[in-house]
N, C-alpha and C. Protein backbone atom coordinates (compact mmCIF):
# COMPACT_ATOMS: atom_id res chain seq x y z
N MET A 1 108.13 -120.79 -137.33
CA MET A 1 107.79 -120.20 -136.06
C MET A 1 106.27 -120.13 -135.94
N GLU A 2 105.82 -120.01 -134.71
CA GLU A 2 104.39 -119.91 -134.45
C GLU A 2 104.14 -118.83 -133.41
N TRP A 3 103.04 -118.10 -133.57
CA TRP A 3 102.64 -117.05 -132.65
C TRP A 3 101.19 -117.29 -132.24
N ILE A 4 100.91 -117.14 -130.95
CA ILE A 4 99.56 -117.27 -130.41
C ILE A 4 99.12 -115.88 -129.94
N HIS A 5 97.93 -115.48 -130.35
CA HIS A 5 97.42 -114.17 -129.95
C HIS A 5 97.20 -114.15 -128.44
N ASP A 6 97.46 -112.99 -127.83
CA ASP A 6 97.35 -112.87 -126.37
C ASP A 6 95.95 -113.08 -125.83
N TYR A 7 94.93 -112.60 -126.54
CA TYR A 7 93.57 -112.71 -126.00
C TYR A 7 92.52 -113.13 -127.02
N LEU A 8 92.85 -113.22 -128.29
CA LEU A 8 91.91 -113.70 -129.30
C LEU A 8 92.28 -115.12 -129.70
N PRO A 9 91.32 -115.93 -130.12
CA PRO A 9 91.61 -117.33 -130.45
C PRO A 9 92.19 -117.51 -131.86
N TYR A 10 93.36 -116.94 -132.08
CA TYR A 10 94.03 -117.03 -133.37
C TYR A 10 95.51 -117.34 -133.16
N ARG A 11 96.09 -117.92 -134.19
CA ARG A 11 97.53 -118.15 -134.19
C ARG A 11 98.06 -117.90 -135.59
N MET A 12 99.35 -117.65 -135.68
CA MET A 12 100.02 -117.49 -136.97
C MET A 12 101.17 -118.47 -137.04
N SER A 13 101.51 -118.84 -138.27
CA SER A 13 102.63 -119.74 -138.50
C SER A 13 103.32 -119.35 -139.80
N ASP A 14 104.65 -119.46 -139.79
CA ASP A 14 105.40 -119.24 -141.03
C ASP A 14 105.82 -120.55 -141.68
N ASN A 15 105.18 -121.64 -141.26
CA ASN A 15 105.41 -122.95 -141.86
C ASN A 15 104.53 -123.06 -143.10
N VAL A 16 105.15 -122.98 -144.27
CA VAL A 16 104.40 -122.99 -145.54
C VAL A 16 103.60 -124.28 -145.71
N GLU A 17 104.02 -125.35 -145.04
CA GLU A 17 103.30 -126.63 -145.11
C GLU A 17 101.90 -126.53 -144.50
N GLU A 18 101.70 -125.56 -143.62
CA GLU A 18 100.40 -125.40 -142.96
C GLU A 18 99.40 -124.61 -143.81
N LEU A 19 99.88 -123.93 -144.82
CA LEU A 19 98.96 -123.13 -145.64
C LEU A 19 97.90 -124.02 -146.26
N GLN A 20 96.67 -123.58 -146.19
CA GLN A 20 95.56 -124.31 -146.79
C GLN A 20 95.38 -123.74 -148.20
N GLN A 21 95.87 -124.50 -149.15
CA GLN A 21 95.95 -124.03 -150.53
C GLN A 21 94.65 -123.45 -151.05
N ASP A 22 93.54 -124.15 -150.85
CA ASP A 22 92.26 -123.67 -151.37
C ASP A 22 91.84 -122.35 -150.74
N VAL A 23 92.08 -122.21 -149.44
CA VAL A 23 91.72 -120.97 -148.74
C VAL A 23 92.60 -119.82 -149.20
N THR A 24 93.91 -120.06 -149.27
CA THR A 24 94.83 -119.01 -149.69
C THR A 24 94.52 -118.56 -151.11
N LEU A 25 94.28 -119.52 -152.00
CA LEU A 25 93.94 -119.16 -153.38
C LEU A 25 92.66 -118.33 -153.43
N ALA A 26 91.64 -118.74 -152.69
CA ALA A 26 90.37 -117.99 -152.68
C ALA A 26 90.57 -116.58 -152.13
N LEU A 27 91.33 -116.45 -151.06
CA LEU A 27 91.59 -115.13 -150.49
C LEU A 27 92.28 -114.24 -151.53
N LEU A 28 93.33 -114.76 -152.15
CA LEU A 28 94.08 -113.95 -153.11
C LEU A 28 93.28 -113.65 -154.37
N LYS A 29 92.50 -114.60 -154.83
CA LYS A 29 91.68 -114.39 -156.03
C LYS A 29 90.60 -113.32 -155.79
N SER A 30 90.29 -113.02 -154.52
CA SER A 30 89.28 -112.02 -154.20
C SER A 30 89.85 -110.60 -154.16
N THR A 31 91.15 -110.45 -154.41
CA THR A 31 91.79 -109.14 -154.30
C THR A 31 91.95 -108.46 -155.66
N TYR A 32 92.16 -107.14 -155.62
CA TYR A 32 92.40 -106.41 -156.86
C TYR A 32 93.79 -106.68 -157.41
N TRP A 33 94.73 -107.06 -156.56
CA TRP A 33 96.11 -107.23 -157.03
C TRP A 33 96.44 -108.64 -157.50
N ALA A 34 95.71 -109.65 -157.07
CA ALA A 34 96.07 -111.02 -157.43
C ALA A 34 94.97 -111.77 -158.19
N ALA A 35 93.87 -111.11 -158.47
CA ALA A 35 92.73 -111.78 -159.10
C ALA A 35 93.08 -112.40 -160.45
N GLU A 36 94.00 -111.79 -161.17
CA GLU A 36 94.35 -112.28 -162.51
C GLU A 36 95.49 -113.30 -162.51
N ARG A 37 96.09 -113.54 -161.36
CA ARG A 37 97.17 -114.52 -161.30
C ARG A 37 96.61 -115.93 -161.43
N SER A 38 97.33 -116.78 -162.12
CA SER A 38 96.90 -118.18 -162.19
C SER A 38 97.20 -118.88 -160.87
N GLU A 39 96.52 -119.98 -160.62
CA GLU A 39 96.79 -120.75 -159.41
C GLU A 39 98.24 -121.21 -159.38
N GLU A 40 98.76 -121.60 -160.53
CA GLU A 40 100.15 -122.05 -160.62
C GLU A 40 101.11 -120.92 -160.22
N THR A 41 100.85 -119.72 -160.71
CA THR A 41 101.70 -118.57 -160.37
C THR A 41 101.64 -118.28 -158.88
N ILE A 42 100.44 -118.29 -158.32
CA ILE A 42 100.29 -118.03 -156.89
C ILE A 42 101.07 -119.06 -156.08
N MET A 43 100.91 -120.31 -156.39
CA MET A 43 101.59 -121.36 -155.63
C MET A 43 103.10 -121.31 -155.84
N ASN A 44 103.55 -121.00 -157.04
CA ASN A 44 104.99 -120.86 -157.28
C ASN A 44 105.58 -119.70 -156.49
N SER A 45 104.77 -118.67 -156.27
CA SER A 45 105.27 -117.49 -155.55
C SER A 45 105.60 -117.81 -154.09
N TRP A 46 105.03 -118.88 -153.55
CA TRP A 46 105.30 -119.25 -152.17
C TRP A 46 106.66 -119.91 -151.99
N LYS A 47 107.19 -120.51 -153.05
CA LYS A 47 108.37 -121.37 -152.93
C LYS A 47 109.58 -120.69 -152.32
N GLU A 48 109.87 -119.48 -152.72
CA GLU A 48 111.06 -118.79 -152.22
C GLU A 48 110.70 -117.62 -151.31
N SER A 49 109.45 -117.56 -150.87
CA SER A 49 108.99 -116.45 -150.06
C SER A 49 108.82 -116.85 -148.61
N LEU A 50 108.82 -115.86 -147.75
CA LEU A 50 108.42 -116.04 -146.36
C LEU A 50 106.91 -115.87 -146.34
N CYS A 51 106.19 -116.93 -146.05
CA CYS A 51 104.73 -116.90 -146.03
C CYS A 51 104.25 -117.10 -144.60
N ILE A 52 103.27 -116.31 -144.20
CA ILE A 52 102.70 -116.43 -142.86
C ILE A 52 101.20 -116.60 -143.00
N GLY A 53 100.69 -117.67 -142.41
CA GLY A 53 99.26 -117.93 -142.40
C GLY A 53 98.67 -117.55 -141.06
N LEU A 54 97.44 -117.05 -141.10
CA LEU A 54 96.67 -116.71 -139.91
C LEU A 54 95.56 -117.74 -139.79
N PHE A 55 95.42 -118.34 -138.61
CA PHE A 55 94.49 -119.44 -138.41
C PHE A 55 93.56 -119.18 -137.23
N SER A 56 92.30 -119.59 -137.38
CA SER A 56 91.32 -119.48 -136.29
C SER A 56 91.57 -120.61 -135.28
N ALA A 57 90.87 -120.56 -134.17
CA ALA A 57 91.00 -121.60 -133.14
C ALA A 57 90.60 -122.97 -133.68
N GLU A 58 89.72 -122.97 -134.69
CA GLU A 58 89.28 -124.23 -135.30
C GLU A 58 90.29 -124.76 -136.32
N GLY A 59 91.37 -124.03 -136.53
CA GLY A 59 92.40 -124.47 -137.47
C GLY A 59 92.15 -124.06 -138.91
N VAL A 60 91.15 -123.22 -139.15
CA VAL A 60 90.85 -122.76 -140.50
C VAL A 60 91.71 -121.53 -140.80
N GLN A 61 92.33 -121.52 -141.94
CA GLN A 61 93.14 -120.37 -142.33
C GLN A 61 92.21 -119.21 -142.67
N VAL A 62 92.49 -118.05 -142.07
CA VAL A 62 91.65 -116.86 -142.29
C VAL A 62 92.46 -115.65 -142.73
N GLY A 63 93.75 -115.83 -142.94
CA GLY A 63 94.58 -114.72 -143.38
C GLY A 63 95.90 -115.22 -143.94
N PHE A 64 96.59 -114.30 -144.63
CA PHE A 64 97.83 -114.67 -145.31
C PHE A 64 98.64 -113.42 -145.59
N MET A 65 99.95 -113.55 -145.52
CA MET A 65 100.84 -112.52 -146.03
C MET A 65 102.13 -113.18 -146.50
N ARG A 66 102.77 -112.50 -147.44
CA ARG A 66 103.95 -113.06 -148.08
C ARG A 66 105.01 -111.97 -148.20
N VAL A 67 106.27 -112.38 -148.01
CA VAL A 67 107.39 -111.47 -148.13
C VAL A 67 108.44 -112.09 -149.03
N VAL A 68 108.88 -111.34 -150.02
CA VAL A 68 109.99 -111.73 -150.88
C VAL A 68 111.21 -111.01 -150.31
N THR A 69 112.30 -111.75 -150.06
CA THR A 69 113.46 -111.14 -149.42
C THR A 69 114.76 -111.78 -149.85
N ASP A 70 115.83 -110.99 -149.78
CA ASP A 70 117.16 -111.58 -149.95
C ASP A 70 117.74 -111.96 -148.59
N GLY A 71 117.03 -111.61 -147.52
CA GLY A 71 117.45 -111.96 -146.17
C GLY A 71 118.58 -111.12 -145.62
N ALA A 72 119.07 -110.17 -146.41
CA ALA A 72 120.21 -109.37 -145.97
C ALA A 72 119.93 -107.87 -146.01
N THR A 73 119.36 -107.39 -147.13
CA THR A 73 119.20 -105.95 -147.26
C THR A 73 117.77 -105.49 -147.53
N PHE A 74 116.98 -106.28 -148.25
CA PHE A 74 115.63 -105.81 -148.58
C PHE A 74 114.60 -106.92 -148.45
N SER A 75 113.38 -106.48 -148.23
CA SER A 75 112.22 -107.36 -148.23
C SER A 75 111.08 -106.63 -148.91
N TRP A 76 110.23 -107.38 -149.60
CA TRP A 76 109.07 -106.81 -150.29
C TRP A 76 107.84 -107.49 -149.70
N LEU A 77 107.03 -106.72 -149.00
CA LEU A 77 105.80 -107.23 -148.39
C LEU A 77 104.70 -107.22 -149.43
N CYS A 78 104.03 -108.34 -149.59
CA CYS A 78 102.96 -108.42 -150.58
C CYS A 78 101.89 -109.41 -150.11
N ASP A 79 100.77 -109.40 -150.79
CA ASP A 79 99.71 -110.38 -150.55
C ASP A 79 99.23 -110.43 -149.10
N VAL A 80 98.98 -109.27 -148.51
CA VAL A 80 98.47 -109.21 -147.13
C VAL A 80 96.94 -109.20 -147.19
N ILE A 81 96.33 -110.19 -146.56
CA ILE A 81 94.86 -110.26 -146.58
C ILE A 81 94.32 -111.02 -145.36
N VAL A 82 93.18 -110.54 -144.87
CA VAL A 82 92.42 -111.21 -143.81
C VAL A 82 91.01 -111.43 -144.35
N ASP A 83 90.48 -112.61 -144.14
CA ASP A 83 89.12 -112.92 -144.56
C ASP A 83 88.16 -111.86 -144.02
N PRO A 84 87.26 -111.35 -144.85
CA PRO A 84 86.33 -110.29 -144.41
C PRO A 84 85.56 -110.63 -143.13
N GLU A 85 85.25 -111.89 -142.90
CA GLU A 85 84.50 -112.27 -141.71
C GLU A 85 85.33 -112.15 -140.43
N HIS A 86 86.62 -111.97 -140.56
CA HIS A 86 87.50 -111.89 -139.40
C HIS A 86 88.16 -110.51 -139.26
N ARG A 87 87.72 -109.57 -140.06
CA ARG A 87 88.27 -108.21 -139.99
C ARG A 87 87.64 -107.44 -138.83
N GLY A 88 88.27 -106.35 -138.46
CA GLY A 88 87.74 -105.49 -137.40
C GLY A 88 88.10 -105.95 -136.00
N LYS A 89 89.02 -106.90 -135.88
CA LYS A 89 89.43 -107.44 -134.57
C LYS A 89 90.88 -107.08 -134.23
N GLY A 90 91.52 -106.33 -135.11
CA GLY A 90 92.92 -106.00 -134.89
C GLY A 90 93.90 -107.05 -135.39
N LEU A 91 93.42 -107.99 -136.19
CA LEU A 91 94.29 -109.06 -136.68
C LEU A 91 95.35 -108.56 -137.66
N SER A 92 95.01 -107.59 -138.49
CA SER A 92 96.00 -107.02 -139.41
C SER A 92 97.12 -106.34 -138.64
N LYS A 93 96.77 -105.65 -137.56
CA LYS A 93 97.79 -105.02 -136.73
C LYS A 93 98.69 -106.08 -136.10
N TRP A 94 98.09 -107.14 -135.63
CA TRP A 94 98.88 -108.23 -135.03
C TRP A 94 99.80 -108.84 -136.09
N MET A 95 99.27 -109.07 -137.28
CA MET A 95 100.08 -109.63 -138.36
C MET A 95 101.28 -108.73 -138.65
N MET A 96 101.05 -107.42 -138.72
CA MET A 96 102.13 -106.50 -139.01
C MET A 96 103.16 -106.45 -137.88
N ALA A 97 102.69 -106.49 -136.64
CA ALA A 97 103.60 -106.48 -135.50
C ALA A 97 104.52 -107.71 -135.54
N VAL A 98 103.95 -108.85 -135.84
CA VAL A 98 104.75 -110.08 -135.95
C VAL A 98 105.72 -109.96 -137.12
N LEU A 99 105.23 -109.46 -138.24
CA LEU A 99 106.06 -109.38 -139.43
C LEU A 99 107.29 -108.50 -139.24
N VAL A 100 107.10 -107.29 -138.74
CA VAL A 100 108.24 -106.37 -138.64
C VAL A 100 109.28 -106.85 -137.63
N ASP A 101 108.91 -107.75 -136.72
CA ASP A 101 109.85 -108.31 -135.76
C ASP A 101 110.35 -109.71 -136.14
N HIS A 102 109.90 -110.22 -137.29
CA HIS A 102 110.31 -111.57 -137.69
C HIS A 102 111.82 -111.61 -137.86
N PRO A 103 112.49 -112.58 -137.23
CA PRO A 103 113.96 -112.61 -137.27
C PRO A 103 114.56 -112.76 -138.67
N ARG A 104 113.81 -113.28 -139.60
CA ARG A 104 114.33 -113.44 -140.95
C ARG A 104 114.42 -112.11 -141.72
N ILE A 105 113.59 -111.12 -141.32
CA ILE A 105 113.56 -109.86 -142.09
C ILE A 105 113.64 -108.59 -141.25
N CYS A 106 113.64 -108.67 -139.93
CA CYS A 106 113.57 -107.46 -139.10
C CYS A 106 114.74 -106.52 -139.33
N HIS A 107 115.84 -107.01 -139.82
CA HIS A 107 117.04 -106.19 -140.06
C HIS A 107 117.10 -105.65 -141.49
N THR A 108 116.09 -105.94 -142.31
CA THR A 108 116.08 -105.49 -143.70
C THR A 108 115.17 -104.28 -143.86
N SER A 109 115.36 -103.55 -144.96
CA SER A 109 114.40 -102.51 -145.34
C SER A 109 113.21 -103.24 -145.96
N ILE A 110 112.02 -102.91 -145.51
CA ILE A 110 110.82 -103.59 -146.00
C ILE A 110 110.04 -102.63 -146.89
N TYR A 111 109.79 -103.05 -148.11
CA TYR A 111 109.06 -102.24 -149.09
C TYR A 111 107.66 -102.81 -149.28
N LEU A 112 106.78 -101.96 -149.75
CA LEU A 112 105.38 -102.33 -149.94
C LEU A 112 104.79 -101.43 -151.00
N GLY A 113 104.05 -102.01 -151.93
CA GLY A 113 103.30 -101.24 -152.90
C GLY A 113 101.83 -101.55 -152.71
N THR A 114 101.03 -100.54 -152.38
CA THR A 114 99.61 -100.79 -152.15
C THR A 114 98.79 -99.56 -152.50
N ARG A 115 97.52 -99.80 -152.81
CA ARG A 115 96.58 -98.70 -153.07
C ARG A 115 95.71 -98.43 -151.86
N ASP A 116 95.82 -99.25 -150.81
CA ASP A 116 94.94 -99.07 -149.66
C ASP A 116 95.64 -99.41 -148.35
N ALA A 117 94.94 -99.21 -147.25
CA ALA A 117 95.41 -99.53 -145.89
C ALA A 117 96.69 -98.78 -145.51
N HIS A 118 96.89 -97.59 -146.08
CA HIS A 118 98.10 -96.83 -145.77
C HIS A 118 98.23 -96.55 -144.27
N GLY A 119 97.12 -96.25 -143.62
CA GLY A 119 97.15 -95.96 -142.18
C GLY A 119 97.68 -97.13 -141.36
N LEU A 120 97.30 -98.33 -141.73
CA LEU A 120 97.80 -99.52 -141.04
C LEU A 120 99.31 -99.61 -141.16
N TYR A 121 99.80 -99.52 -142.39
CA TYR A 121 101.24 -99.69 -142.62
C TYR A 121 102.06 -98.56 -142.01
N GLU A 122 101.52 -97.35 -142.01
CA GLU A 122 102.24 -96.23 -141.41
C GLU A 122 102.47 -96.44 -139.92
N GLN A 123 101.57 -97.15 -139.25
CA GLN A 123 101.74 -97.44 -137.82
C GLN A 123 102.98 -98.30 -137.56
N TYR A 124 103.48 -98.96 -138.60
CA TYR A 124 104.63 -99.85 -138.45
C TYR A 124 105.86 -99.32 -139.18
N GLY A 125 105.89 -98.00 -139.38
CA GLY A 125 107.07 -97.35 -139.91
C GLY A 125 107.15 -97.21 -141.41
N PHE A 126 106.13 -97.63 -142.14
CA PHE A 126 106.15 -97.48 -143.60
C PHE A 126 105.85 -96.03 -143.96
N LEU A 127 106.56 -95.52 -144.95
CA LEU A 127 106.38 -94.16 -145.44
C LEU A 127 105.83 -94.21 -146.86
N ARG A 128 104.97 -93.27 -147.18
CA ARG A 128 104.44 -93.20 -148.55
C ARG A 128 105.50 -92.64 -149.46
N ARG A 129 105.86 -93.40 -150.48
CA ARG A 129 106.86 -93.01 -151.46
C ARG A 129 106.41 -93.50 -152.83
N GLU A 130 106.92 -92.88 -153.86
CA GLU A 130 106.66 -93.35 -155.22
C GLU A 130 107.76 -94.33 -155.60
N MET A 131 107.40 -95.36 -156.34
CA MET A 131 108.37 -96.36 -156.76
C MET A 131 108.23 -96.61 -158.25
N MET A 132 109.31 -96.98 -158.87
CA MET A 132 109.27 -97.39 -160.27
C MET A 132 109.11 -98.90 -160.31
N VAL A 133 108.35 -99.38 -161.27
CA VAL A 133 108.10 -100.81 -161.39
C VAL A 133 108.25 -101.22 -162.84
N ARG A 134 108.89 -102.34 -163.07
CA ARG A 134 108.97 -102.91 -164.41
C ARG A 134 108.12 -104.16 -164.42
N SER A 135 107.10 -104.18 -165.24
CA SER A 135 106.22 -105.33 -165.34
C SER A 135 106.73 -106.25 -166.44
N THR A 136 107.11 -107.46 -166.07
CA THR A 136 107.60 -108.42 -167.05
C THR A 136 106.57 -108.69 -168.12
N ALA A 137 105.32 -108.83 -167.74
CA ALA A 137 104.27 -109.13 -168.71
C ALA A 137 104.19 -108.04 -169.77
N ARG A 138 104.24 -106.80 -169.36
CA ARG A 138 104.18 -105.69 -170.32
C ARG A 138 105.41 -105.69 -171.22
N TYR A 139 106.56 -105.94 -170.63
CA TYR A 139 107.80 -105.95 -171.40
C TYR A 139 107.77 -107.08 -172.45
N LEU A 140 107.34 -108.25 -172.04
CA LEU A 140 107.31 -109.39 -172.95
C LEU A 140 106.30 -109.18 -174.07
N ASN A 141 105.21 -108.49 -173.79
CA ASN A 141 104.18 -108.25 -174.82
C ASN A 141 104.63 -107.24 -175.86
N ARG A 142 105.68 -106.48 -175.59
CA ARG A 142 106.17 -105.49 -176.55
C ARG A 142 107.04 -106.15 -177.61
N HIS A 143 107.56 -107.31 -177.36
CA HIS A 143 108.52 -107.94 -178.28
C HIS A 143 107.91 -109.12 -179.02
């Protein structure tokens, strides 16, 4: 699917073929949550995920978000980022509005684990809750 912003020169697409690998990798490597992931891990994470790219009028990718879902009951929102040069225009809000109405996941419970941007996510119905997490890397290092 594709979405065109009403008044800003941006569009979004959930066609993973449109993702600009180098841009997406650079965006994710600049974050606190994905900086340590290998390029192979990042690219493998796209294979079974719903990925949405944000693109400028010039066709340059300037944002990205990814959702892991079973398509029936739950979705996990992760890897939400907008290039710093394109922030402050309401693009994150637009991305979230598109995401929560996406036909592939709008009927699922959407989960999110983040240390920041709580105000943004709360505008779209997310509630602050504590979650338990099992880290495979930590588990594997114990044995």
